[in-house]
Amino acid sequence: MTDELWLWLTFILLGLTTTLPRAGFIVAGNRVSLPPTLQRALRYAPAAALAAIVVPDVLVVGGELAPLNPKLAGAIAAVVAASLWRNPWLPFIAGMGVLLALQKLLP
């Protein structure tokens, strides 16, 4: 087989491996239901994905773990504001306010 044929075969197989699992839920529809345990576990998937994106950005500064930094303080302020009040803008304002204030104060 030529290199070009291997390349096209690889593209097709990669396309199928990403499309088939997603299309399976759409094609099956309501005919197939997930077990209740798996349904409960999948409720936490968006929060887990968000945490996996946010936590490293908040805790790592300059390639090193920095547990005490302005980004962490801003994130804590945003979480506190979000849990105390239902205003959608307040966590953003509180987090950015704390972050910017600490960045100005700390060298």
N, C-alpha and C. Protein backbone atom coordinates (compact mmCIF):
# COMPACT_ATOMS: atom_id res chain seq x y z
N MET A 1 0.84 -1.19 0.00
CA MET A 1 0.00 0.00 0.00
C MET A 1 0.88 1.25 0.00
N THR A 2 0.42 2.25 -0.68
CA THR A 2 1.19 3.49 -0.74
C THR A 2 0.93 4.33 0.50
N ASP A 3 1.80 5.30 0.69
CA ASP A 3 1.65 6.21 1.84
C ASP A 3 0.36 7.01 1.75
N GLU A 4 -0.01 7.39 0.53
CA GLU A 4 -1.24 8.17 0.35
C GLU A 4 -2.47 7.36 0.73
N LEU A 5 -2.48 6.09 0.37
CA LEU A 5 -3.60 5.22 0.72
C LEU A 5 -3.69 5.02 2.23
N TRP A 6 -2.54 4.84 2.90
CA TRP A 6 -2.52 4.72 4.36
C TRP A 6 -3.05 5.99 5.02
N LEU A 7 -2.68 7.12 4.47
CA LEU A 7 -3.14 8.39 5.02
C LEU A 7 -4.66 8.51 4.92
N TRP A 8 -5.22 8.20 3.77
CA TRP A 8 -6.67 8.27 3.59
C TRP A 8 -7.39 7.26 4.47
N LEU A 9 -6.84 6.07 4.58
CA LEU A 9 -7.42 5.05 5.45
C LEU A 9 -7.41 5.51 6.91
N THR A 10 -6.33 6.16 7.31
CA THR A 10 -6.24 6.70 8.68
C THR A 10 -7.29 7.78 8.90
N PHE A 11 -7.45 8.68 7.94
CA PHE A 11 -8.47 9.73 8.06
C PHE A 11 -9.87 9.13 8.19
N ILE A 12 -10.16 8.15 7.38
CA ILE A 12 -11.49 7.53 7.40
C ILE A 12 -11.73 6.83 8.74
N LEU A 13 -10.76 6.08 9.21
CA LEU A 13 -10.92 5.37 10.49
C LEU A 13 -11.04 6.33 11.66
N LEU A 14 -10.26 7.40 11.66
CA LEU A 14 -10.38 8.40 12.73
C LEU A 14 -11.73 9.09 12.69
N GLY A 15 -12.22 9.37 11.50
CA GLY A 15 -13.55 9.96 11.37
C GLY A 15 -14.64 9.05 11.90
N LEU A 16 -14.52 7.76 11.61
CA LEU A 16 -15.52 6.81 12.10
C LEU A 16 -15.44 6.66 13.62
N THR A 17 -14.23 6.64 14.17
CA THR A 17 -14.11 6.46 15.62
C THR A 17 -14.62 7.67 16.39
N THR A 18 -14.64 8.83 15.79
CA THR A 18 -15.20 9.99 16.48
C THR A 18 -16.68 10.18 16.20
N THR A 19 -17.16 9.73 15.04
CA THR A 19 -18.55 9.94 14.66
C THR A 19 -19.48 8.86 15.21
N LEU A 20 -19.08 7.62 15.15
CA LEU A 20 -19.97 6.53 15.54
C LEU A 20 -20.43 6.59 17.00
N PRO A 21 -19.56 6.83 17.97
CA PRO A 21 -20.06 6.90 19.35
C PRO A 21 -21.06 8.04 19.56
N ARG A 22 -20.86 9.15 18.90
CA ARG A 22 -21.78 10.29 19.03
C ARG A 22 -23.09 10.00 18.31
N ALA A 23 -22.99 9.45 17.11
CA ALA A 23 -24.19 9.17 16.32
C ALA A 23 -25.01 8.05 16.94
N GLY A 24 -24.37 7.18 17.70
CA GLY A 24 -25.09 6.08 18.32
C GLY A 24 -26.22 6.56 19.21
N PHE A 25 -25.99 7.62 19.98
CA PHE A 25 -27.03 8.15 20.86
C PHE A 25 -28.16 8.80 20.06
N ILE A 26 -27.81 9.43 18.96
CA ILE A 26 -28.82 10.09 18.14
C ILE A 26 -29.67 9.05 17.41
N VAL A 27 -29.03 8.05 16.84
CA VAL A 27 -29.75 7.03 16.07
C VAL A 27 -30.60 6.17 17.00
N ALA A 28 -30.07 5.79 18.16
CA ALA A 28 -30.81 4.92 19.07
C ALA A 28 -32.00 5.66 19.69
N GLY A 29 -31.83 6.93 19.95
CA GLY A 29 -32.93 7.73 20.50
C GLY A 29 -33.41 7.20 21.84
N ASN A 30 -34.72 7.08 21.99
CA ASN A 30 -35.32 6.62 23.23
C ASN A 30 -35.42 5.11 23.33
N ARG A 31 -35.01 4.40 22.28
CA ARG A 31 -35.10 2.93 22.30
C ARG A 31 -34.11 2.32 23.29
N VAL A 32 -33.02 3.02 23.53
CA VAL A 32 -32.00 2.53 24.45
C VAL A 32 -31.89 3.53 25.60
N SER A 33 -31.92 3.03 26.82
CA SER A 33 -31.76 3.93 27.96
C SER A 33 -30.54 3.52 28.77
N LEU A 34 -29.89 4.50 29.33
CA LEU A 34 -28.71 4.25 30.14
C LEU A 34 -29.15 3.82 31.54
N PRO A 35 -28.35 3.00 32.20
CA PRO A 35 -28.68 2.62 33.58
C PRO A 35 -28.73 3.86 34.47
N PRO A 36 -29.58 3.84 35.51
CA PRO A 36 -29.72 5.00 36.39
C PRO A 36 -28.40 5.43 37.04
N THR A 37 -27.54 4.49 37.37
CA THR A 37 -26.25 4.84 37.97
C THR A 37 -25.40 5.66 37.00
N LEU A 38 -25.39 5.26 35.74
CA LEU A 38 -24.63 5.99 34.74
C LEU A 38 -25.25 7.36 34.47
N GLN A 39 -26.58 7.44 34.47
CA GLN A 39 -27.25 8.73 34.29
C GLN A 39 -26.89 9.70 35.41
N ARG A 40 -26.86 9.20 36.66
CA ARG A 40 -26.47 10.06 37.79
C ARG A 40 -25.02 10.50 37.65
N ALA A 41 -24.15 9.60 37.23
CA ALA A 41 -22.74 9.94 37.08
C ALA A 41 -22.52 10.97 35.97
N LEU A 42 -23.29 10.87 34.89
CA LEU A 42 -23.13 11.80 33.77
C LEU A 42 -23.60 13.21 34.10
N ARG A 43 -24.39 13.37 35.15
CA ARG A 43 -24.80 14.72 35.57
C ARG A 43 -23.60 15.55 36.02
N TYR A 44 -22.57 14.88 36.50
CA TYR A 44 -21.39 15.59 37.00
C TYR A 44 -20.33 15.82 35.93
N ALA A 45 -20.53 15.32 34.73
CA ALA A 45 -19.53 15.46 33.66
C ALA A 45 -19.24 16.91 33.30
N PRO A 46 -20.25 17.79 33.12
CA PRO A 46 -19.91 19.18 32.79
C PRO A 46 -19.11 19.88 33.89
N ALA A 47 -19.48 19.65 35.15
CA ALA A 47 -18.73 20.27 36.25
C ALA A 47 -17.32 19.73 36.31
N ALA A 48 -17.14 18.44 36.08
CA ALA A 48 -15.81 17.85 36.09
C ALA A 48 -14.95 18.39 34.95
N ALA A 49 -15.55 18.55 33.77
CA ALA A 49 -14.80 19.09 32.63
C ALA A 49 -14.40 20.54 32.89
N LEU A 50 -15.31 21.33 33.45
CA LEU A 50 -14.99 22.72 33.77
C LEU A 50 -13.88 22.79 34.81
N ALA A 51 -13.96 21.95 35.82
CA ALA A 51 -12.92 21.93 36.86
C ALA A 51 -11.57 21.53 36.27
N ALA A 52 -11.57 20.59 35.34
CA ALA A 52 -10.33 20.16 34.71
C ALA A 52 -9.69 21.26 33.89
N ILE A 53 -10.49 22.19 33.40
CA ILE A 53 -9.95 23.31 32.62
C ILE A 53 -9.52 24.44 33.54
N VAL A 54 -10.32 24.76 34.55
CA VAL A 54 -10.09 25.94 35.38
C VAL A 54 -9.01 25.72 36.44
N VAL A 55 -9.04 24.60 37.12
CA VAL A 55 -8.14 24.38 38.27
C VAL A 55 -6.67 24.50 37.89
N PRO A 56 -6.19 23.87 36.81
CA PRO A 56 -4.77 24.05 36.48
C PRO A 56 -4.41 25.51 36.18
N ASP A 57 -5.32 26.24 35.54
CA ASP A 57 -5.04 27.64 35.23
C ASP A 57 -4.97 28.48 36.50
N VAL A 58 -5.75 28.12 37.49
CA VAL A 58 -5.78 28.90 38.74
C VAL A 58 -4.59 28.55 39.64
N LEU A 59 -4.18 27.30 39.66
CA LEU A 59 -3.14 26.86 40.59
C LEU A 59 -1.73 26.90 40.03
N VAL A 60 -1.57 26.91 38.73
CA VAL A 60 -0.23 26.88 38.13
C VAL A 60 0.12 28.27 37.61
N VAL A 61 1.24 28.79 38.09
CA VAL A 61 1.71 30.10 37.65
C VAL A 61 3.16 29.93 37.19
N GLY A 62 3.43 30.29 35.97
CA GLY A 62 4.79 30.19 35.44
C GLY A 62 5.30 28.77 35.36
N GLY A 63 4.41 27.81 35.16
CA GLY A 63 4.81 26.42 35.04
C GLY A 63 5.01 25.71 36.36
N GLU A 64 4.80 26.39 37.47
CA GLU A 64 4.97 25.77 38.78
C GLU A 64 3.70 25.91 39.60
N LEU A 65 3.49 24.96 40.50
CA LEU A 65 2.33 24.99 41.38
C LEU A 65 2.50 26.13 42.37
N ALA A 66 1.53 27.04 42.38
CA ALA A 66 1.56 28.20 43.29
C ALA A 66 0.21 28.28 44.00
N PRO A 67 0.10 27.63 45.18
CA PRO A 67 -1.20 27.60 45.85
C PRO A 67 -1.66 28.95 46.39
N LEU A 68 -0.75 29.88 46.58
CA LEU A 68 -1.13 31.22 47.04
C LEU A 68 -0.79 32.23 45.95
N ASN A 69 -1.79 32.58 45.15
CA ASN A 69 -1.57 33.53 44.07
C ASN A 69 -2.84 34.34 43.85
N PRO A 70 -2.75 35.47 43.17
CA PRO A 70 -3.93 36.31 42.95
C PRO A 70 -5.05 35.63 42.18
N LYS A 71 -4.71 34.74 41.24
CA LYS A 71 -5.76 34.06 40.48
C LYS A 71 -6.61 33.17 41.38
N LEU A 72 -5.99 32.50 42.33
CA LEU A 72 -6.73 31.65 43.24
C LEU A 72 -7.63 32.49 44.14
N ALA A 73 -7.13 33.61 44.62
CA ALA A 73 -7.94 34.50 45.45
C ALA A 73 -9.14 35.03 44.67
N GLY A 74 -8.93 35.38 43.42
CA GLY A 74 -10.03 35.85 42.58
C GLY A 74 -11.05 34.75 42.33
N ALA A 75 -10.58 33.52 42.12
CA ALA A 75 -11.50 32.41 41.91
C ALA A 75 -12.32 32.14 43.17
N ILE A 76 -11.68 32.21 44.33
CA ILE A 76 -12.39 32.01 45.60
C ILE A 76 -13.44 33.11 45.79
N ALA A 77 -13.08 34.34 45.49
CA ALA A 77 -14.04 35.45 45.61
C ALA A 77 -15.22 35.25 44.67
N ALA A 78 -14.97 34.77 43.47
CA ALA A 78 -16.07 34.53 42.51
C ALA A 78 -16.98 33.41 42.99
N VAL A 79 -16.40 32.34 43.54
CA VAL A 79 -17.21 31.23 44.04
C VAL A 79 -18.05 31.67 45.23
N VAL A 80 -17.46 32.45 46.14
CA VAL A 80 -18.20 32.94 47.30
C VAL A 80 -19.35 33.84 46.86
N ALA A 81 -19.08 34.75 45.94
CA ALA A 81 -20.12 35.65 45.45
C ALA A 81 -21.24 34.87 44.75
N ALA A 82 -20.87 33.84 43.99
CA ALA A 82 -21.88 33.05 43.28
C ALA A 82 -22.73 32.24 44.26
N SER A 83 -22.12 31.77 45.34
CA SER A 83 -22.91 30.96 46.26
C SER A 83 -23.75 31.80 47.22
N LEU A 84 -23.38 33.05 47.43
CA LEU A 84 -24.15 33.90 48.34
C LEU A 84 -25.28 34.66 47.64
N TRP A 85 -25.05 35.08 46.42
CA TRP A 85 -26.03 35.89 45.69
C TRP A 85 -26.32 35.26 44.34
N ARG A 86 -27.49 35.50 43.81
CA ARG A 86 -27.92 34.94 42.53
C ARG A 86 -27.67 35.87 41.34
N ASN A 87 -27.01 36.97 41.56
CA ASN A 87 -26.71 37.92 40.49
C ASN A 87 -25.65 37.30 39.57
N PRO A 88 -25.90 37.18 38.28
CA PRO A 88 -24.93 36.55 37.39
C PRO A 88 -23.67 37.39 37.15
N TRP A 89 -23.74 38.69 37.38
CA TRP A 89 -22.58 39.55 37.16
C TRP A 89 -21.68 39.68 38.37
N LEU A 90 -22.22 39.46 39.54
CA LEU A 90 -21.47 39.67 40.77
C LEU A 90 -20.23 38.77 40.90
N PRO A 91 -20.30 37.47 40.58
CA PRO A 91 -19.07 36.66 40.66
C PRO A 91 -17.97 37.18 39.74
N PHE A 92 -18.35 37.62 38.55
CA PHE A 92 -17.36 38.18 37.63
C PHE A 92 -16.72 39.43 38.21
N ILE A 93 -17.55 40.33 38.73
CA ILE A 93 -17.05 41.58 39.30
C ILE A 93 -16.19 41.32 40.53
N ALA A 94 -16.65 40.44 41.42
CA ALA A 94 -15.89 40.15 42.63
C ALA A 94 -14.56 39.47 42.30
N GLY A 95 -14.60 38.47 41.44
CA GLY A 95 -13.37 37.76 41.08
C GLY A 95 -12.36 38.65 40.40
N MET A 96 -12.82 39.43 39.42
CA MET A 96 -11.89 40.32 38.72
C MET A 96 -11.40 41.45 39.62
N GLY A 97 -12.28 41.93 40.51
CA GLY A 97 -11.86 42.97 41.45
C GLY A 97 -10.75 42.50 42.36
N VAL A 98 -10.93 41.32 42.92
CA VAL A 98 -9.89 40.76 43.81
C VAL A 98 -8.62 40.47 43.03
N LEU A 99 -8.75 39.88 41.86
CA LEU A 99 -7.57 39.57 41.04
C LEU A 99 -6.78 40.83 40.69
N LEU A 100 -7.47 41.84 40.18
CA LEU A 100 -6.77 43.07 39.78
C LEU A 100 -6.18 43.81 40.98
N ALA A 101 -6.90 43.82 42.10
CA ALA A 101 -6.39 44.49 43.29
C ALA A 101 -5.13 43.80 43.81
N LEU A 102 -5.15 42.50 43.85
CA LEU A 102 -3.97 41.78 44.34
C LEU A 102 -2.79 41.88 43.35
N GLN A 103 -3.08 41.91 42.08
CA GLN A 103 -2.00 42.08 41.11
C GLN A 103 -1.34 43.45 41.23
N LYS A 104 -2.13 44.47 41.61
CA LYS A 104 -1.55 45.81 41.80
C LYS A 104 -0.75 45.87 43.10
N LEU A 105 -1.26 45.20 44.14
CA LEU A 105 -0.60 45.26 45.45
C LEU A 105 0.65 44.39 45.53
N LEU A 106 0.60 43.22 44.94
CA LEU A 106 1.74 42.30 45.01
C LEU A 106 2.67 42.56 43.83
N PRO A 107 3.96 42.48 44.08
CA PRO A 107 4.90 42.73 42.99
C PRO A 107 4.94 41.63 41.95
